[in-house]
């Protein structure tokens, strides 16, 4: 049996996650709630973004990027 360290045992649940769960529960009950907790948008990801993500996966772009970001993207943004 593994034991947790004292520091791990002292961790408290995330209040943001708890508030988000409460908002979701209220919504499920039919209450009109605007949740300002988890930073989740209330709209679907645009189709062109989904398509770009699928293309990137198909091209094997599944590894971590350099810490400063993808050079081509940085150049395009500059």
Protein backbone atom coordinates (compact mmCIF):
# COMPACT_ATOMS: atom_id res chain seq x y z
CA UNK A 1 0.00 0.00 0.00
CA UNK A 2 1.45 3.38 -0.98
CA UNK A 3 1.22 6.35 1.34
CA UNK A 4 0.97 10.00 0.42
CA UNK A 5 3.38 12.55 1.76
CA UNK A 6 2.14 15.10 4.31
CA UNK A 7 2.29 17.78 1.63
CA UNK A 8 0.13 15.72 -0.72
CA UNK A 9 -2.33 14.98 2.07
CA UNK A 10 -2.61 18.72 2.82
CA UNK A 11 -3.76 19.57 -0.72
CA UNK A 12 -7.27 20.97 -0.92
CA UNK A 13 -9.72 20.42 -3.78
CA UNK A 14 -9.82 23.18 -6.38
CA UNK A 15 -12.47 25.79 -5.56
CA UNK A 16 -12.66 26.67 -9.27
CA UNK A 17 -13.51 23.09 -10.18
CA UNK A 18 -16.05 22.90 -7.34
CA UNK A 19 -17.77 26.12 -8.45
CA UNK A 20 -17.83 24.93 -12.06
CA UNK A 21 -19.39 21.62 -10.99
CA UNK A 22 -22.02 23.56 -9.03
CA UNK A 23 -22.83 25.74 -12.05
CA UNK A 24 -23.16 22.63 -14.25
CA UNK A 25 -25.47 21.03 -11.71
CA UNK A 26 -27.65 24.14 -11.55
CA UNK A 27 -27.81 24.22 -15.36
CA UNK A 28 -28.83 20.56 -15.35
CA UNK A 29 -31.68 21.55 -13.03
CA UNK A 30 -32.81 24.20 -15.50
CA UNK A 31 -31.38 27.25 -13.75
CA UNK A 32 -30.04 29.93 -16.13
CA UNK A 33 -26.44 30.29 -14.89
CA UNK A 34 -23.50 32.21 -16.27
CA UNK A 35 -20.41 30.44 -14.95
CA UNK A 36 -17.31 32.63 -14.68
CA UNK A 37 -15.17 29.84 -13.29
CA UNK A 38 -13.32 27.46 -15.58
CA UNK A 39 -12.79 29.71 -18.58
CA UNK A 40 -14.76 27.46 -20.91
CA UNK A 41 -16.40 29.31 -23.80
CA UNK A 42 -20.14 28.87 -24.26
CA UNK A 43 -19.77 28.21 -27.99
CA UNK A 44 -18.37 25.40 -30.09
CA UNK A 45 -14.87 25.53 -31.53
CA UNK A 46 -15.09 27.10 -35.02
CA UNK A 47 -15.01 24.55 -37.84
CA UNK A 48 -11.87 25.98 -39.46
CA UNK A 49 -10.00 25.48 -36.17
CA UNK A 50 -11.21 21.87 -35.90
CA UNK A 51 -10.18 21.26 -39.52
CA UNK A 52 -6.72 22.73 -38.89
CA UNK A 53 -6.30 20.55 -35.81
CA UNK A 54 -7.23 17.43 -37.82
CA UNK A 55 -4.75 18.37 -40.56
CA UNK A 56 -2.00 18.93 -37.97
CA UNK A 57 -2.66 15.51 -36.42
CA UNK A 58 -2.66 13.85 -39.85
CA UNK A 59 0.69 15.54 -40.58
CA UNK A 60 2.16 14.07 -37.39
CA UNK A 61 2.36 17.36 -35.50
CA UNK A 62 1.89 15.67 -32.15
CA UNK A 63 5.07 16.57 -30.28
CA UNK A 64 5.82 19.38 -27.86
CA UNK A 65 6.81 22.66 -29.47
CA UNK A 66 9.95 24.60 -28.55
CA UNK A 67 9.46 26.65 -25.35
CA UNK A 68 9.38 29.91 -27.32
CA UNK A 69 6.83 28.49 -29.78
CA UNK A 70 6.81 27.28 -33.38
CA UNK A 71 9.25 29.48 -35.36
CA UNK A 72 6.98 29.69 -38.44
CA UNK A 73 4.03 30.74 -36.30
CA UNK A 74 6.09 33.33 -34.46
CA UNK A 75 7.27 34.78 -37.78
CA UNK A 76 3.71 34.88 -39.13
CA UNK A 77 2.47 36.67 -36.02
CA UNK A 78 5.34 39.18 -36.08
